[in-house]
Amino acid sequence: MTSSPTRPPAPTTAADSGGTPWRALRRHRPFLLLCGEQAASSVGRQITALALAMLAVTRLDAGPFGASALLALTYLPGAVLSPLAGVLADRARLRTLAATLTSLQVVVVASVPLAGALGRLGLPHLYVVAALSGALTWTLSVALQAALPRVVRPEQLLTGNSALTGARTAGMIGGPALGGVLVGLAGASSALLAGGVAYAVEAALLLALPASLNRPAEATGRQGPRLAALREGLAVVRAHPVLRRQVLAGAGFNLGSGAADALFVVYANRELALPAWQLGMVYAAFSVATVVGVLLAGRFATSVELYRATRICAVVAALAIFLVPAASLGLAFPALLTYQLVFGMAATVWAISMTTTQQLIAPPHLQGRVAGFAQAALLTTVPVGALSAGALAAWAGNVPVLTGAATAALLAAACFWLPHRTDTAVPSGSPREVAP
């Protein structure tokens, strides 16, 4: 399948294929295994993140900077290592790689309760665990983005990405609640054992994937030096106008939204004096909106075309951020509730459409590298935005910084609507490997 220079092809509709893609995927064992893996992985990550933060603050007396450093260390490895992870995903035995990465997560997470039992747990240990866990998580993320086009047909990618996002969302909703109960009943250190169990389940699901995924996407005879391989993946992103704009817009958007997220709780509590129950409902609204976005993504993208859905949702999500500083003008609770609902739906549809577009455009043997470069760009700007917002807010105040963050996100989303060249060569993007 070859996409046009201005937008990738829309997925095949039910009328074209003789049935909805989801109906076929419900009987597709490899895809269902990936859905289960996403749910288990999300639960494991949520429990791990909560337990590590609780240990750092309550047991090891970490201050605000120490807690922030713990969070930053989970993103930094992804920003640095994702392009190399892309090369690895294209050249390695993908099923073995994914299962090995997840098995190592079990060992890394289990080292915390073991160190606690031996009386040797300290902040440096938690920092090492956060960094290693982040490196494993983001490397696996690239590998699984490369795996999906080899598991499902091109016309099923949009539905597949929607379902996988839904599975992750289920874990994100249930994971923190489960983690909170476990921390309360057994302590943060013991709760990490449950996170390790979730990762073990994930590893078992990955090992059950088809053996054909262990054939490297890039043939051994074609494999050159790693530096040349990195350049080959970067060249695809730079040459294709759609991929290039997606990376630039996503990185800029994450810069603005990361800044807004960093200030959100402090702003809602101290400046808006939002009661705890209202803040809880605001966060719950985002979870609901994410679920709605998952349900709407396929229908919306096929009705307006995939790339157009990406462009529209990027702008809508950016405009929604302006509701955060606007909440200071009055009606704070309705404003923030509306923000989470609109932002959650639009950002979810955007993420699903963007990932599907990337997978349709990237050549089969470069799926990992294209995903790696895109992920590196998206992850790098999150901590930059968060740390910059904290520093600027101390000087200029929350509302001006939040307004600037929303403006940055909107300008990034506007990249999609700038005039573009139409004579750019387009790489093929129709990987087919594992049949149901």
Protein backbone atom coordinates (compact mmCIF):
# COMPACT_ATOMS: atom_id res chain seq x y z
CA MET A 1 0.00 0.00 0.00
CA THR A 2 1.40 3.40 -0.97
CA SER A 3 0.22 6.57 0.68
CA SER A 4 -0.16 9.92 -1.05
CA PRO A 5 2.33 12.71 -0.29
CA THR A 6 -0.27 14.72 1.60
CA ARG A 7 -2.02 12.08 3.67
CA PRO A 8 -1.87 8.34 4.24
CA PRO A 9 -4.71 6.17 2.95
CA ALA A 10 -7.77 5.70 5.10
CA PRO A 11 -8.25 2.18 6.44
CA THR A 12 -10.59 -0.10 4.60
CA THR A 13 -14.20 0.20 5.73
CA ALA A 14 -16.56 -2.62 6.59
CA ALA A 15 -18.15 -2.34 3.21
CA ASP A 16 -14.78 -2.82 1.54
CA SER A 17 -13.67 -5.81 3.58
CA GLY A 18 -16.91 -7.66 4.03
CA GLY A 19 -17.04 -7.10 7.79
CA THR A 20 -15.78 -4.74 10.48
CA PRO A 21 -12.08 -5.00 11.37
CA TRP A 22 -13.01 -5.39 15.06
CA ARG A 23 -15.19 -8.41 14.32
CA ALA A 24 -12.19 -10.16 12.78
CA LEU A 25 -9.81 -9.04 15.54
CA ARG A 26 -12.04 -10.51 18.25
CA ARG A 27 -11.11 -13.94 16.90
CA HIS A 28 -7.47 -13.06 16.29
CA ARG A 29 -5.40 -14.82 18.98
CA PRO A 30 -2.11 -12.89 18.54
CA PHE A 31 -3.92 -9.58 18.74
CA LEU A 32 -5.89 -10.63 21.83
CA LEU A 33 -2.59 -11.60 23.46
CA LEU A 34 -1.30 -8.09 22.78
CA CYS A 35 -4.44 -6.62 24.36
CA GLY A 36 -3.93 -8.71 27.47
CA GLU A 37 -0.27 -7.72 27.55
CA GLN A 38 -1.17 -4.02 27.39
CA ALA A 39 -3.60 -4.33 30.29
CA ALA A 40 -1.13 -6.28 32.45
CA SER A 41 1.71 -3.90 31.58
CA SER A 42 -0.38 -0.85 32.44
CA VAL A 43 -1.35 -2.29 35.82
CA GLY A 44 2.29 -3.14 36.56
CA ARG A 45 3.50 0.35 35.63
CA GLN A 46 0.82 2.11 37.68
CA ILE A 47 1.51 0.03 40.79
CA THR A 48 5.27 0.47 40.39
CA ALA A 49 5.08 4.25 39.89
CA LEU A 50 2.82 4.75 42.92
CA ALA A 51 4.82 2.44 45.20
CA LEU A 52 8.18 4.00 44.25
CA ALA A 53 6.84 7.51 44.87
CA MET A 54 5.35 6.49 48.22
CA LEU A 55 8.59 4.82 49.30
CA ALA A 56 10.63 7.87 48.33
CA VAL A 57 8.40 10.35 50.16
CA THR A 58 7.19 8.45 53.24
CA ARG A 59 10.06 6.10 54.01
CA LEU A 60 13.14 7.80 52.62
CA ASP A 61 12.09 11.43 53.24
CA ALA A 62 12.55 12.62 49.65
CA GLY A 63 11.71 16.28 49.13
CA PRO A 64 9.95 17.86 46.11
CA PHE A 65 13.14 17.78 44.01
CA GLY A 66 13.83 14.17 44.94
CA ALA A 67 10.31 13.11 43.98
CA SER A 68 10.52 15.07 40.71
CA ALA A 69 13.88 13.48 39.91
CA LEU A 70 12.34 10.04 40.37
CA LEU A 71 9.67 10.89 37.77
CA ALA A 72 12.16 12.46 35.37
CA LEU A 73 14.36 9.36 35.50
CA THR A 74 11.51 7.25 34.12
CA TYR A 75 11.34 9.48 30.99
CA LEU A 76 15.03 10.20 30.39
CA PRO A 77 16.02 6.69 29.23
CA GLY A 78 13.21 6.70 26.68
CA ALA A 79 14.28 10.05 25.30
CA VAL A 80 17.89 8.89 24.93
CA LEU A 81 17.55 5.21 24.02
CA SER A 82 14.40 5.05 21.85
CA PRO A 83 16.22 5.43 18.48
CA LEU A 84 18.61 2.59 19.45
CA ALA A 85 15.62 0.57 20.64
CA GLY A 86 14.16 1.03 17.17
CA VAL A 87 17.23 -0.54 15.55
CA LEU A 88 17.04 -3.40 18.03
CA ALA A 89 13.33 -3.96 17.33
CA ASP A 90 13.92 -4.14 13.58
CA ARG A 91 16.85 -6.55 13.86
CA ALA A 92 16.09 -8.74 16.88
CA ARG A 93 13.83 -11.73 17.39
CA LEU A 94 10.88 -9.59 18.38
CA ARG A 95 8.95 -12.07 20.51
CA THR A 96 12.06 -13.08 22.45
CA LEU A 97 13.10 -9.45 22.84
CA ALA A 98 9.72 -8.36 24.23
CA ALA A 99 9.49 -11.28 26.67
CA THR A 100 13.09 -10.73 27.84
CA LEU A 101 12.51 -7.02 28.49
CA THR A 102 9.41 -7.78 30.55
CA SER A 103 11.13 -10.55 32.49
CA LEU A 104 13.91 -8.11 33.38
CA GLN A 105 11.21 -5.76 34.71
CA VAL A 106 10.25 -8.44 37.22
CA VAL A 107 13.84 -8.62 38.46
CA VAL A 108 14.28 -4.84 38.61
CA VAL A 109 11.03 -4.22 40.51
CA ALA A 110 11.55 -7.16 42.87
CA SER A 111 14.94 -5.77 43.88
CA VAL A 112 13.19 -3.03 45.89
CA PRO A 113 11.31 -5.24 48.41
CA LEU A 114 14.41 -7.46 48.60
CA ALA A 115 16.60 -4.47 49.49
CA GLY A 116 13.97 -3.33 51.99
CA ALA A 117 13.93 -6.73 53.68
CA LEU A 118 17.74 -6.62 53.95
CA GLY A 119 17.65 -3.09 55.38
CA ARG A 120 19.64 -1.65 52.47
CA LEU A 121 17.00 0.38 50.65
CA GLY A 122 17.93 4.00 49.86
CA LEU A 123 17.09 6.76 47.40
CA PRO A 124 19.98 5.86 45.05
CA HIS A 125 18.48 2.37 44.71
CA LEU A 126 15.07 3.84 43.81
CA TYR A 127 16.68 6.15 41.25
CA VAL A 128 18.45 3.21 39.61
CA VAL A 129 15.21 1.20 39.58
CA ALA A 130 13.28 4.13 38.06
CA ALA A 131 15.90 4.58 35.33
CA LEU A 132 16.18 0.87 34.51
CA SER A 133 12.43 0.37 34.58
CA GLY A 134 11.98 3.38 32.30
CA ALA A 135 14.58 2.06 29.85
CA LEU A 136 12.85 -1.34 29.71
CA THR A 137 9.38 0.21 29.41
CA TRP A 138 10.20 2.53 26.52
CA THR A 139 12.25 -0.07 24.66
CA LEU A 140 9.31 -2.46 24.90
CA SER A 141 6.97 0.30 23.71
CA VAL A 142 8.99 0.70 20.50
CA ALA A 143 9.13 -3.07 20.00
CA LEU A 144 5.37 -3.46 20.33
CA GLN A 145 4.67 -0.57 17.95
CA ALA A 146 6.82 -2.43 15.43
CA ALA A 147 5.04 -5.72 16.20
CA LEU A 148 1.44 -4.64 15.59
CA PRO A 149 1.79 -4.15 11.79
CA ARG A 150 3.21 -7.69 11.65
CA VAL A 151 0.26 -9.11 13.58
CA VAL A 152 -2.70 -7.43 11.85
CA ARG A 153 -3.47 -6.29 8.32
CA PRO A 154 -3.09 -2.60 7.34
CA GLU A 155 -6.86 -2.03 7.28
CA GLN A 156 -7.04 -3.34 10.86
CA LEU A 157 -4.36 -1.03 12.29
CA LEU A 158 -6.71 1.77 13.31
CA THR A 159 -9.06 -0.60 15.11
CA GLY A 160 -6.10 -2.44 16.60
CA ASN A 161 -4.50 0.71 17.99
CA SER A 162 -7.86 1.79 19.43
CA ALA A 163 -8.31 -1.54 21.20
CA LEU A 164 -4.76 -1.52 22.56
CA THR A 165 -5.27 2.01 23.87
CA GLY A 166 -8.48 0.82 25.52
CA ALA A 167 -6.61 -2.04 27.20
CA ARG A 168 -3.97 0.38 28.49
CA THR A 169 -6.68 2.73 29.72
CA ALA A 170 -8.32 -0.07 31.68
CA GLY A 171 -5.00 -0.67 33.41
CA MET A 172 -4.53 3.04 34.05
CA ILE A 173 -7.94 3.24 35.71
CA GLY A 174 -7.64 0.09 37.80
CA GLY A 175 -3.89 0.15 38.44
CA PRO A 176 -3.72 3.21 40.74
CA ALA A 177 -6.72 2.02 42.75
CA LEU A 178 -5.22 -1.45 43.18
CA GLY A 179 -1.84 0.06 43.99
CA GLY A 180 -3.36 2.36 46.60
CA VAL A 181 -5.15 -0.54 48.31
CA LEU A 182 -1.99 -2.68 48.31
CA VAL A 183 0.15 0.16 49.66
CA GLY A 184 -2.39 0.76 52.39
CA LEU A 185 -2.68 -2.89 53.37
CA ALA A 186 0.83 -4.25 52.88
CA GLY A 187 3.07 -1.22 52.49
CA ALA A 188 4.71 0.28 49.42
CA SER A 189 7.60 -2.17 49.34
CA SER A 190 5.35 -5.22 49.42
CA ALA A 191 3.00 -3.68 46.86
CA LEU A 192 5.84 -3.82 44.36
CA LEU A 193 5.59 -7.61 44.49
CA ALA A 194 2.14 -7.27 42.91
CA GLY A 195 3.69 -5.08 40.23
CA GLY A 196 6.21 -7.83 39.60
CA VAL A 197 3.40 -10.37 39.25
CA ALA A 198 1.69 -8.16 36.64
CA TYR A 199 4.95 -7.99 34.67
CA ALA A 200 5.31 -11.79 34.92
CA VAL A 201 1.83 -12.22 33.44
CA GLU A 202 2.80 -9.81 30.67
CA ALA A 203 5.93 -11.85 29.89
CA ALA A 204 3.87 -15.06 29.65
CA LEU A 205 1.45 -13.42 27.21
CA LEU A 206 4.32 -12.17 25.05
CA LEU A 207 5.89 -15.63 24.93
CA ALA A 208 2.58 -16.96 23.55
CA LEU A 209 2.79 -14.68 20.48
CA PRO A 210 3.39 -16.36 17.07
CA ALA A 211 6.86 -17.76 16.46
CA SER A 212 6.98 -15.88 13.13
CA LEU A 213 7.57 -12.68 15.10
CA ASN A 214 11.03 -14.07 15.84
CA ARG A 215 11.99 -13.50 12.21
CA PRO A 216 13.82 -10.15 12.17
CA ALA A 217 11.97 -7.47 10.18
CA GLU A 218 15.26 -6.46 8.55
CA ALA A 219 16.95 -9.38 6.83
CA THR A 220 20.35 -10.30 8.26
CA GLY A 221 22.03 -9.74 4.90
CA ARG A 222 20.80 -6.13 4.80
CA GLN A 223 22.04 -5.20 8.26
CA GLY A 224 24.82 -2.63 8.16
CA PRO A 225 26.48 -0.60 10.94
CA ARG A 226 24.17 0.66 13.69
CA LEU A 227 24.92 4.30 12.92
CA ALA A 228 23.92 3.80 9.30
CA ALA A 229 20.78 2.02 10.48
CA LEU A 230 19.88 4.99 12.69
CA ARG A 231 20.36 7.36 9.78
CA GLU A 232 18.11 5.23 7.61
CA GLY A 233 15.25 5.50 10.11
CA LEU A 234 15.77 9.22 10.63
CA ALA A 235 15.79 9.75 6.86
CA VAL A 236 12.29 8.30 6.58
CA VAL A 237 10.95 10.67 9.26
CA ARG A 238 12.68 13.68 7.74
CA ALA A 239 11.71 12.91 4.14
CA HIS A 240 8.00 12.25 4.64
CA PRO A 241 5.99 15.43 5.27
CA VAL A 242 3.32 13.71 7.33
CA LEU A 243 5.76 11.92 9.64
CA ARG A 244 7.88 15.04 9.99
CA ARG A 245 4.91 17.15 10.99
CA GLN A 246 3.61 14.54 13.39
CA VAL A 247 6.92 14.46 15.25
CA LEU A 248 7.26 18.26 15.37
CA ALA A 249 3.64 18.79 16.40
CA GLY A 250 3.72 16.03 19.00
CA ALA A 251 6.96 17.25 20.55
CA GLY A 252 5.70 20.83 20.76
CA PHE A 253 2.35 19.72 22.09
CA ASN A 254 3.98 17.63 24.81
CA LEU A 255 6.10 20.63 25.77
CA GLY A 256 2.94 22.68 26.43
CA SER A 257 0.82 19.93 27.93
CA GLY A 258 3.74 18.75 30.10
CA ALA A 259 4.04 22.26 31.49
CA ALA A 260 0.32 22.41 32.20
CA ASP A 261 0.35 19.00 33.89
CA ALA A 262 3.26 19.99 36.12
CA LEU A 263 1.33 22.97 37.52
CA PHE A 264 -2.17 21.50 37.48
CA VAL A 265 -2.46 20.13 41.04
CA VAL A 266 -0.71 23.07 42.71
CA TYR A 267 -2.79 25.54 40.68
CA ALA A 268 -6.09 23.76 41.41
CA ASN A 269 -5.36 23.51 45.13
CA ARG A 270 -3.67 26.77 46.02
CA GLU A 271 -5.00 29.25 43.47
CA LEU A 272 -8.46 27.87 42.72
CA ALA A 273 -9.02 26.30 46.18
CA LEU A 274 -10.68 23.32 44.54
CA PRO A 275 -12.00 20.83 47.13
CA ALA A 276 -10.45 17.37 47.08
CA TRP A 277 -13.67 15.73 45.86
CA GLN A 278 -13.90 18.12 42.92
CA LEU A 279 -10.26 17.51 41.98
CA GLY A 280 -10.94 13.77 42.13
CA MET A 281 -13.91 14.14 39.80
CA VAL A 282 -11.79 16.20 37.40
CA TYR A 283 -9.25 13.40 37.16
CA ALA A 284 -12.01 10.81 36.84
CA ALA A 285 -13.45 12.82 33.94
CA PHE A 286 -10.19 12.36 32.05
CA SER A 287 -10.42 8.58 32.42
CA VAL A 288 -13.98 8.61 31.14
CA ALA A 289 -13.00 10.86 28.23
CA THR A 290 -10.16 8.51 27.31
CA VAL A 291 -12.57 5.59 27.10
CA VAL A 292 -14.93 7.65 24.93
CA GLY A 293 -11.99 8.64 22.72
CA VAL A 294 -11.07 4.98 22.24
CA LEU A 295 -14.65 4.21 21.18
CA LEU A 296 -14.84 7.18 18.81
CA ALA A 297 -11.38 6.98 17.24
CA GLY A 298 -12.14 4.41 14.54
CA ARG A 299 -15.46 5.85 13.48
CA PHE A 300 -14.26 9.45 13.46
CA ALA A 301 -11.03 8.71 11.59
CA THR A 302 -12.76 6.65 8.90
CA SER A 303 -15.50 9.25 8.45
CA VAL A 304 -13.20 12.27 8.01
CA GLU A 305 -10.04 10.44 6.81
CA LEU A 306 -7.18 9.42 9.04
CA TYR A 307 -4.78 12.33 8.60
CA ARG A 308 -7.56 14.90 8.78
CA ALA A 309 -8.67 13.38 12.09
CA THR A 310 -5.11 13.83 13.38
CA ARG A 311 -5.08 17.50 12.35
CA ILE A 312 -8.49 18.31 13.82
CA CYS A 313 -7.94 16.55 17.14
CA ALA A 314 -4.53 18.14 17.63
CA VAL A 315 -6.04 21.63 17.46
CA VAL A 316 -9.04 20.72 19.63
CA ALA A 317 -6.80 19.22 22.32
CA ALA A 318 -4.56 22.31 22.31
CA LEU A 319 -7.52 24.70 22.54
CA ALA A 320 -8.85 22.74 25.51
CA ILE A 321 -5.71 23.60 27.51
CA PHE A 322 -6.77 27.27 27.51
CA LEU A 323 -9.62 26.26 29.83
CA VAL A 324 -7.08 25.65 32.60
CA PRO A 325 -5.93 29.30 33.00
CA ALA A 326 -9.48 30.44 32.16
CA ALA A 327 -10.67 28.64 35.31
CA SER A 328 -9.14 31.49 37.34
CA LEU A 329 -11.81 33.82 35.94
CA GLY A 330 -14.61 31.93 37.71
CA LEU A 331 -16.54 28.64 37.50
CA ALA A 332 -13.31 26.77 38.13
CA PHE A 333 -14.82 23.32 38.60
CA PRO A 334 -16.93 23.33 35.38
CA ALA A 335 -14.00 24.77 33.43
CA LEU A 336 -11.54 22.11 34.56
CA LEU A 337 -14.13 19.36 34.14
CA THR A 338 -14.76 20.50 30.57
CA TYR A 339 -11.02 20.69 29.96
CA GLN A 340 -10.45 17.08 31.02
CA LEU A 341 -13.39 15.79 28.98
CA VAL A 342 -12.48 17.62 25.76
CA PHE A 343 -8.74 17.16 26.12
CA GLY A 344 -9.07 13.47 27.02
CA MET A 345 -11.23 12.65 24.00
CA ALA A 346 -9.29 14.72 21.47
CA ALA A 347 -5.83 13.70 22.66
CA THR A 348 -6.79 10.02 22.66
CA VAL A 349 -8.14 10.12 19.11
CA TRP A 350 -5.06 12.10 18.04
CA ALA A 351 -2.65 9.57 19.59
CA ILE A 352 -4.43 6.61 17.99
CA SER A 353 -4.62 8.29 14.57
CA MET A 354 -1.00 9.41 14.74
CA THR A 355 0.31 5.94 15.65
CA THR A 356 -1.76 4.32 12.90
CA THR A 357 -0.55 6.87 10.34
CA GLN A 358 3.06 6.22 11.32
CA GLN A 359 2.63 2.45 10.99
CA LEU A 360 0.96 2.75 7.58
CA ILE A 361 3.73 4.95 6.18
CA ALA A 362 6.87 3.33 7.61
CA PRO A 363 8.43 0.53 5.52
CA PRO A 364 8.13 -2.90 7.17
CA HIS A 365 11.85 -3.23 7.96
CA LEU A 366 11.96 0.29 9.49
CA GLN A 367 8.92 0.19 11.75
CA GLY A 368 11.03 0.07 14.92
CA ARG A 369 13.36 2.89 13.93
CA VAL A 370 10.57 5.23 12.86
CA ALA A 371 8.72 4.50 16.13
CA GLY A 372 11.95 5.00 18.09
CA PHE A 373 12.70 8.44 16.67
CA ALA A 374 9.09 9.55 17.10
CA GLN A 375 9.00 8.34 20.70
CA ALA A 376 12.33 10.02 21.53
CA ALA A 377 11.05 13.38 20.28
CA LEU A 378 7.76 13.06 22.16
CA LEU A 379 9.37 12.01 25.45
CA THR A 380 12.17 14.58 25.48
CA THR A 381 9.86 17.57 25.70
CA VAL A 382 7.73 16.30 28.60
CA PRO A 383 10.31 16.79 31.40
CA VAL A 384 11.58 19.96 29.69
CA GLY A 385 8.09 21.43 29.78
CA ALA A 386 7.47 20.33 33.36
CA LEU A 387 10.74 21.66 34.77
CA SER A 388 10.48 24.92 32.81
CA ALA A 389 6.94 25.50 34.03
CA GLY A 390 7.95 25.02 37.65
CA ALA A 391 10.79 27.52 37.34
CA LEU A 392 8.78 30.12 35.43
CA ALA A 393 5.70 29.87 37.65
CA ALA A 394 7.78 30.79 40.70
CA TRP A 395 8.70 34.02 38.92
CA ALA A 396 5.64 34.92 36.80
CA GLY A 397 2.78 33.05 38.48
CA ASN A 398 0.67 30.07 37.42
CA VAL A 399 -1.86 31.72 35.11
CA PRO A 400 0.64 33.38 32.72
CA VAL A 401 2.70 30.19 32.49
CA LEU A 402 -0.41 28.05 31.89
CA THR A 403 -1.54 30.46 29.17
CA GLY A 404 1.91 30.25 27.58
CA ALA A 405 1.80 26.47 27.77
CA ALA A 406 -1.56 26.37 25.99
CA THR A 407 -0.23 28.76 23.34
CA ALA A 408 2.82 26.57 22.76
CA ALA A 409 0.61 23.51 22.33
CA LEU A 410 -1.67 25.35 19.88
CA LEU A 411 1.26 26.62 17.79
CA ALA A 412 2.61 23.08 17.63
CA ALA A 413 -0.76 21.70 16.53
CA ALA A 414 -0.95 24.42 13.86
CA CYS A 415 2.08 22.83 12.16
CA PHE A 416 -0.36 20.33 10.65
CA TRP A 417 -2.15 23.13 8.77
CA LEU A 418 0.84 24.88 7.19
CA PRO A 419 1.30 24.64 3.39
CA HIS A 420 3.32 21.63 2.35
CA ARG A 421 5.18 20.19 -0.59
CA THR A 422 3.42 17.61 -2.71
CA ASP A 423 6.40 16.20 -4.60
CA THR A 424 7.99 14.21 -1.77
CA ALA A 425 8.63 10.54 -2.44
CA VAL A 426 6.55 8.33 -0.16
CA PRO A 427 7.88 5.06 1.27
CA SER A 428 5.70 2.00 1.18
CA GLY A 429 3.82 1.12 4.34
CA SER A 430 1.83 -2.09 4.09
CA PRO A 431 3.47 -4.71 6.27
CA ARG A 432 1.86 -8.15 6.21
CA GLU A 433 3.39 -10.99 8.12
CA VAL A 434 1.34 -12.88 10.71
CA ALA A 435 -2.07 -14.09 9.64
CA PRO A 436 -4.82 -14.69 12.23
